[in-house]
Each structure stands twice: as C-alpha cells, then as structure tokens.
Amino acid sequence: MPLINVLFKQRSNGANLDGNTARDFTAITVIADAIDRAGSTKPDAILKALKATNIDGKRTIMPWRGIKFDEKGQNELGNGLVEQIQDGVYETVWPFEVATKKAIWPMPAWDKR
C-alpha cells in the first residue's frame, strides 16, 4: 500500500484514498507549489505561478502525464481514472499500469457488488 494511503487511512477513520480524495490532495500540493514559486500570497503572483505550473506526472500521486494548465485553466496532462466497486471496496481498474484489480466484466448487478 502506498505510503500516502497509509497516512490518509490514519487520519480518515480507516478510509482509503479514492479518485476524489486523491485529486483533492493533488490540488492542495499544486496550490502549495504555486505559492512557493510565487514567493507571495498575493493573488496575482499565485495566478502567474499557477499559469506557469509544469509538474511531471512522476511527481504526483495521480496516474497523469503531469500537471500543466491550458489557457482555460484545465490540466492538459491529466486523464481519467476508472474505479469499480469490488467486494464493497473501490478498486482502480484503469489505467492498467496503476490498477489495483482487474475489471470485472460484465459488471455485476448493484446488489452483487
């Protein structure tokens, strides 16, 4: 189990990171990085630093190529994450290189998960 998930479980009554909480964690690290690079808490300085963000995917906990914002503020290096409930637990099934379980297909009925 990745260390970040161990730390998260200790502070969340035993819950595992999921796609939402992992993105939330990533967002906090990105804004902290931008504030550090801005050297200021002034909004214009932070915005300028955010626009210059270019973080390699290996430096994130997400299975992304990285974090770099386009002119509309969207991360152009991000991609989706597919999870499936298996035995009552959310399991990552795609991207395959970070999957915790193989996808079950066809998906079982809701009352069988």
N, C-alpha and C. Protein backbone atom coordinates (compact mmCIF):
# COMPACT_ATOMS: atom_id res chain seq x y z
N MET A 1 0.85 -1.18 0.00
CA MET A 1 0.00 0.00 0.00
C MET A 1 0.89 1.24 0.00
N PRO A 2 0.64 2.18 -0.91
CA PRO A 2 1.46 3.39 -0.96
C PRO A 2 1.41 4.16 0.36
N LEU A 3 2.53 4.76 0.73
CA LEU A 3 2.63 5.49 1.98
C LEU A 3 1.56 6.56 2.11
N ILE A 4 1.24 7.28 1.04
CA ILE A 4 0.23 8.33 1.14
C ILE A 4 -1.11 7.75 1.57
N ASN A 5 -1.45 6.55 1.11
CA ASN A 5 -2.70 5.92 1.53
C ASN A 5 -2.64 5.50 2.99
N VAL A 6 -1.51 5.02 3.45
CA VAL A 6 -1.35 4.66 4.87
C VAL A 6 -1.59 5.89 5.74
N LEU A 7 -0.96 7.02 5.37
CA LEU A 7 -1.13 8.26 6.12
C LEU A 7 -2.58 8.73 6.07
N PHE A 8 -3.22 8.63 4.91
CA PHE A 8 -4.61 9.03 4.77
C PHE A 8 -5.51 8.18 5.66
N LYS A 9 -5.30 6.86 5.67
CA LYS A 9 -6.11 5.96 6.48
C LYS A 9 -6.02 6.30 7.97
N GLN A 10 -4.83 6.71 8.41
CA GLN A 10 -4.63 7.07 9.81
C GLN A 10 -5.45 8.29 10.21
N ARG A 11 -5.76 9.14 9.25
CA ARG A 11 -6.46 10.39 9.55
C ARG A 11 -7.91 10.41 9.07
N SER A 12 -8.39 9.28 8.55
CA SER A 12 -9.74 9.26 7.97
C SER A 12 -10.57 8.08 8.46
N ASN A 13 -10.34 7.67 9.70
CA ASN A 13 -11.08 6.53 10.26
C ASN A 13 -10.98 5.28 9.40
N GLY A 14 -9.81 5.07 8.78
CA GLY A 14 -9.56 3.85 8.03
C GLY A 14 -9.99 3.85 6.58
N ALA A 15 -10.49 4.99 6.09
CA ALA A 15 -10.90 5.06 4.68
C ALA A 15 -9.68 5.09 3.78
N ASN A 16 -9.81 4.51 2.59
CA ASN A 16 -8.75 4.56 1.59
C ASN A 16 -8.90 5.81 0.73
N LEU A 17 -7.79 6.26 0.17
CA LEU A 17 -7.88 7.28 -0.87
C LEU A 17 -8.72 6.73 -2.01
N ASP A 18 -9.47 7.59 -2.64
CA ASP A 18 -10.17 7.21 -3.86
C ASP A 18 -9.88 8.29 -4.90
N GLY A 19 -10.50 8.21 -6.04
CA GLY A 19 -10.23 9.18 -7.10
C GLY A 19 -10.48 10.61 -6.65
N ASN A 20 -11.56 10.84 -5.91
CA ASN A 20 -11.86 12.20 -5.45
C ASN A 20 -10.86 12.71 -4.44
N THR A 21 -10.56 11.91 -3.41
CA THR A 21 -9.64 12.39 -2.37
C THR A 21 -8.22 12.51 -2.92
N ALA A 22 -7.84 11.67 -3.86
CA ALA A 22 -6.51 11.78 -4.46
C ALA A 22 -6.39 13.06 -5.29
N ARG A 23 -7.47 13.42 -6.02
CA ARG A 23 -7.46 14.69 -6.76
C ARG A 23 -7.43 15.88 -5.80
N ASP A 24 -8.18 15.78 -4.68
CA ASP A 24 -8.17 16.85 -3.68
C ASP A 24 -6.76 17.05 -3.12
N PHE A 25 -6.10 15.95 -2.79
CA PHE A 25 -4.73 16.00 -2.27
C PHE A 25 -3.81 16.65 -3.31
N THR A 26 -3.96 16.24 -4.55
CA THR A 26 -3.13 16.77 -5.63
C THR A 26 -3.36 18.27 -5.79
N ALA A 27 -4.60 18.71 -5.71
CA ALA A 27 -4.91 20.13 -5.83
C ALA A 27 -4.21 20.95 -4.75
N ILE A 28 -4.21 20.43 -3.53
CA ILE A 28 -3.54 21.14 -2.43
C ILE A 28 -2.04 21.23 -2.68
N THR A 29 -1.44 20.15 -3.17
CA THR A 29 0.00 20.20 -3.42
C THR A 29 0.34 21.15 -4.57
N VAL A 30 -0.55 21.25 -5.56
CA VAL A 30 -0.31 22.16 -6.69
C VAL A 30 -0.39 23.61 -6.22
N ILE A 31 -1.40 23.94 -5.41
CA ILE A 31 -1.50 25.33 -4.94
C ILE A 31 -0.35 25.67 -4.01
N ALA A 32 0.09 24.72 -3.17
CA ALA A 32 1.24 24.96 -2.30
C ALA A 32 2.50 25.20 -3.13
N ASP A 33 2.68 24.41 -4.18
CA ASP A 33 3.82 24.58 -5.08
C ASP A 33 3.78 25.95 -5.74
N ALA A 34 2.59 26.37 -6.18
CA ALA A 34 2.46 27.68 -6.83
C ALA A 34 2.77 28.82 -5.86
N ILE A 35 2.30 28.71 -4.63
CA ILE A 35 2.59 29.75 -3.63
C ILE A 35 4.08 29.81 -3.35
N ASP A 36 4.71 28.64 -3.24
CA ASP A 36 6.18 28.62 -3.03
C ASP A 36 6.90 29.30 -4.19
N ARG A 37 6.50 28.95 -5.42
CA ARG A 37 7.16 29.55 -6.58
C ARG A 37 6.86 31.03 -6.72
N ALA A 38 5.66 31.44 -6.30
CA ALA A 38 5.28 32.85 -6.37
C ALA A 38 6.05 33.67 -5.36
N GLY A 39 6.43 33.04 -4.26
CA GLY A 39 7.13 33.77 -3.20
C GLY A 39 6.23 34.81 -2.55
N SER A 40 4.92 34.61 -2.68
CA SER A 40 3.96 35.60 -2.21
C SER A 40 2.60 34.95 -2.06
N THR A 41 1.75 35.55 -1.25
CA THR A 41 0.36 35.10 -1.15
C THR A 41 -0.58 36.07 -1.87
N LYS A 42 -0.01 36.97 -2.65
CA LYS A 42 -0.83 37.90 -3.42
C LYS A 42 -1.47 37.15 -4.59
N PRO A 43 -2.78 37.35 -4.78
CA PRO A 43 -3.49 36.60 -5.82
C PRO A 43 -2.85 36.67 -7.21
N ASP A 44 -2.41 37.84 -7.64
CA ASP A 44 -1.81 37.95 -8.98
C ASP A 44 -0.54 37.13 -9.10
N ALA A 45 0.26 37.10 -8.04
CA ALA A 45 1.51 36.33 -8.06
C ALA A 45 1.21 34.83 -8.10
N ILE A 46 0.20 34.41 -7.32
CA ILE A 46 -0.17 33.00 -7.30
C ILE A 46 -0.74 32.58 -8.65
N LEU A 47 -1.59 33.41 -9.23
CA LEU A 47 -2.16 33.10 -10.55
C LEU A 47 -1.07 32.98 -11.61
N LYS A 48 -0.10 33.88 -11.58
CA LYS A 48 1.02 33.81 -12.53
C LYS A 48 1.78 32.50 -12.35
N ALA A 49 2.03 32.11 -11.11
CA ALA A 49 2.74 30.85 -10.84
C ALA A 49 1.91 29.65 -11.28
N LEU A 50 0.60 29.68 -11.03
CA LEU A 50 -0.26 28.58 -11.48
C LEU A 50 -0.22 28.43 -12.99
N LYS A 51 -0.26 29.56 -13.69
CA LYS A 51 -0.22 29.51 -15.16
C LYS A 51 1.10 28.93 -15.66
N ALA A 52 2.16 29.05 -14.87
CA ALA A 52 3.48 28.53 -15.26
C ALA A 52 3.72 27.11 -14.75
N THR A 53 2.75 26.54 -14.07
CA THR A 53 2.91 25.19 -13.49
C THR A 53 3.21 24.17 -14.58
N ASN A 54 4.20 23.34 -14.32
CA ASN A 54 4.56 22.25 -15.22
C ASN A 54 5.20 21.16 -14.37
N ILE A 55 4.36 20.30 -13.80
CA ILE A 55 4.81 19.26 -12.87
C ILE A 55 4.77 17.92 -13.59
N ASP A 56 5.88 17.21 -13.58
CA ASP A 56 5.96 15.89 -14.20
C ASP A 56 5.04 14.92 -13.47
N GLY A 57 4.40 14.04 -14.21
CA GLY A 57 3.49 13.06 -13.64
C GLY A 57 4.11 12.18 -12.57
N LYS A 58 5.40 11.94 -12.65
CA LYS A 58 6.08 11.11 -11.65
C LYS A 58 6.12 11.78 -10.29
N ARG A 59 5.85 13.08 -10.26
CA ARG A 59 5.86 13.83 -9.00
C ARG A 59 4.46 13.98 -8.41
N THR A 60 3.48 13.25 -8.94
CA THR A 60 2.12 13.32 -8.42
C THR A 60 1.68 11.93 -7.96
N ILE A 61 0.57 11.89 -7.25
CA ILE A 61 0.01 10.58 -6.87
C ILE A 61 -1.05 10.12 -7.86
N MET A 62 -1.27 10.94 -8.88
CA MET A 62 -2.27 10.61 -9.89
C MET A 62 -1.59 9.93 -11.09
N PRO A 63 -2.32 9.08 -11.80
CA PRO A 63 -1.74 8.43 -12.98
C PRO A 63 -1.83 9.35 -14.21
N TRP A 64 -1.27 10.53 -14.06
CA TRP A 64 -1.32 11.54 -15.12
C TRP A 64 0.07 11.69 -15.73
N ARG A 65 0.11 12.29 -16.91
CA ARG A 65 1.40 12.62 -17.52
C ARG A 65 2.02 13.80 -16.79
N GLY A 66 1.21 14.56 -16.08
CA GLY A 66 1.70 15.70 -15.33
C GLY A 66 0.61 16.70 -15.07
N ILE A 67 1.03 17.91 -14.69
CA ILE A 67 0.09 18.99 -14.43
C ILE A 67 0.61 20.24 -15.12
N LYS A 68 -0.15 20.69 -16.10
CA LYS A 68 0.17 21.89 -16.86
C LYS A 68 -1.16 22.45 -17.35
N PHE A 69 -1.41 23.71 -17.05
CA PHE A 69 -2.71 24.29 -17.35
C PHE A 69 -2.74 24.96 -18.71
N ASP A 70 -3.85 24.75 -19.43
CA ASP A 70 -4.04 25.42 -20.72
C ASP A 70 -4.61 26.82 -20.48
N GLU A 71 -4.92 27.52 -21.56
CA GLU A 71 -5.40 28.90 -21.45
C GLU A 71 -6.74 29.02 -20.72
N LYS A 72 -7.47 27.92 -20.59
CA LYS A 72 -8.76 27.93 -19.87
C LYS A 72 -8.61 27.43 -18.44
N GLY A 73 -7.38 27.10 -18.04
CA GLY A 73 -7.14 26.65 -16.67
C GLY A 73 -7.35 25.17 -16.46
N GLN A 74 -7.49 24.41 -17.55
CA GLN A 74 -7.67 22.96 -17.44
C GLN A 74 -6.32 22.26 -17.51
N ASN A 75 -6.18 21.19 -16.73
CA ASN A 75 -4.94 20.41 -16.77
C ASN A 75 -4.89 19.62 -18.07
N GLU A 76 -4.01 20.01 -18.96
CA GLU A 76 -3.93 19.34 -20.26
C GLU A 76 -3.16 18.03 -20.21
N LEU A 77 -2.57 17.69 -19.07
CA LEU A 77 -1.80 16.45 -18.95
C LEU A 77 -2.51 15.41 -18.08
N GLY A 78 -3.71 15.74 -17.61
CA GLY A 78 -4.46 14.81 -16.78
C GLY A 78 -5.24 13.82 -17.63
N ASN A 79 -5.68 12.76 -17.01
CA ASN A 79 -6.55 11.79 -17.68
C ASN A 79 -7.45 11.15 -16.64
N GLY A 80 -8.41 10.40 -17.12
CA GLY A 80 -9.38 9.79 -16.24
C GLY A 80 -8.82 8.64 -15.42
N LEU A 81 -9.60 8.25 -14.46
CA LEU A 81 -9.31 7.13 -13.59
C LEU A 81 -10.62 6.36 -13.46
N VAL A 82 -10.59 5.06 -13.69
CA VAL A 82 -11.82 4.27 -13.60
C VAL A 82 -11.71 3.35 -12.39
N GLU A 83 -12.73 3.45 -11.54
CA GLU A 83 -12.79 2.60 -10.36
C GLU A 83 -14.04 1.73 -10.46
N GLN A 84 -13.99 0.60 -9.79
CA GLN A 84 -15.12 -0.32 -9.77
C GLN A 84 -15.26 -0.84 -8.35
N ILE A 85 -16.47 -0.92 -7.87
CA ILE A 85 -16.68 -1.48 -6.54
C ILE A 85 -16.58 -2.99 -6.65
N GLN A 86 -15.63 -3.55 -5.89
CA GLN A 86 -15.45 -5.00 -5.85
C GLN A 86 -15.39 -5.42 -4.39
N ASP A 87 -16.26 -6.31 -4.01
CA ASP A 87 -16.37 -6.75 -2.61
C ASP A 87 -16.52 -5.55 -1.67
N GLY A 88 -17.30 -4.55 -2.11
CA GLY A 88 -17.59 -3.40 -1.27
C GLY A 88 -16.48 -2.37 -1.19
N VAL A 89 -15.42 -2.52 -1.98
CA VAL A 89 -14.27 -1.62 -1.94
C VAL A 89 -14.06 -1.02 -3.32
N TYR A 90 -13.79 0.29 -3.38
CA TYR A 90 -13.46 0.91 -4.66
C TYR A 90 -12.07 0.45 -5.08
N GLU A 91 -11.96 -0.12 -6.26
CA GLU A 91 -10.69 -0.59 -6.80
C GLU A 91 -10.42 0.12 -8.12
N THR A 92 -9.19 0.56 -8.33
CA THR A 92 -8.80 1.17 -9.60
C THR A 92 -8.65 0.05 -10.62
N VAL A 93 -9.33 0.19 -11.75
CA VAL A 93 -9.24 -0.82 -12.81
C VAL A 93 -8.62 -0.26 -14.09
N TRP A 94 -8.46 1.08 -14.15
CA TRP A 94 -7.81 1.71 -15.28
C TRP A 94 -7.31 3.07 -14.88
N PRO A 95 -6.14 3.51 -15.30
CA PRO A 95 -5.22 2.91 -16.26
C PRO A 95 -4.62 1.60 -15.73
N PHE A 96 -4.38 0.69 -16.65
CA PHE A 96 -3.93 -0.64 -16.28
C PHE A 96 -2.64 -0.64 -15.47
N GLU A 97 -1.73 0.29 -15.77
CA GLU A 97 -0.44 0.28 -15.08
C GLU A 97 -0.54 0.67 -13.61
N VAL A 98 -1.68 1.20 -13.17
CA VAL A 98 -1.86 1.53 -11.75
C VAL A 98 -3.07 0.80 -11.15
N ALA A 99 -3.64 -0.13 -11.90
CA ALA A 99 -4.82 -0.85 -11.44
C ALA A 99 -4.51 -1.66 -10.19
N THR A 100 -5.46 -1.63 -9.25
CA THR A 100 -5.33 -2.46 -8.05
C THR A 100 -6.03 -3.80 -8.23
N LYS A 101 -6.95 -3.86 -9.19
CA LYS A 101 -7.66 -5.10 -9.53
C LYS A 101 -8.00 -5.08 -11.01
N LYS A 102 -8.23 -6.26 -11.57
CA LYS A 102 -8.73 -6.34 -12.94
C LYS A 102 -10.21 -6.02 -12.93
N ALA A 103 -10.66 -5.38 -13.99
CA ALA A 103 -12.09 -5.05 -14.10
C ALA A 103 -12.90 -6.33 -14.22
N ILE A 104 -14.04 -6.33 -13.59
CA ILE A 104 -14.98 -7.43 -13.74
C ILE A 104 -15.97 -7.03 -14.82
N TRP A 105 -16.03 -7.84 -15.89
CA TRP A 105 -16.91 -7.53 -17.00
C TRP A 105 -17.58 -8.79 -17.48
N PRO A 106 -18.86 -8.82 -17.70
CA PRO A 106 -19.75 -7.68 -17.48
C PRO A 106 -19.86 -7.36 -15.99
N MET A 107 -20.14 -6.09 -15.70
CA MET A 107 -20.24 -5.66 -14.31
C MET A 107 -21.38 -6.39 -13.63
N PRO A 108 -21.16 -6.81 -12.38
CA PRO A 108 -22.25 -7.47 -11.65
C PRO A 108 -23.35 -6.47 -11.28
N ALA A 109 -24.52 -6.97 -11.02
CA ALA A 109 -25.64 -6.11 -10.60
C ALA A 109 -25.26 -5.40 -9.29
N TRP A 110 -25.90 -4.26 -9.03
CA TRP A 110 -25.58 -3.47 -7.83
C TRP A 110 -25.65 -4.30 -6.56
N ASP A 111 -26.62 -5.17 -6.45
CA ASP A 111 -26.76 -5.93 -5.21
C ASP A 111 -25.74 -7.06 -5.08
N LYS A 112 -24.89 -7.24 -6.10
CA LYS A 112 -23.86 -8.29 -6.06
C LYS A 112 -22.45 -7.72 -5.83
N ARG A 113 -22.35 -6.40 -5.68
CA ARG A 113 -21.01 -5.78 -5.54
C ARG A 113 -20.59 -5.79 -4.14
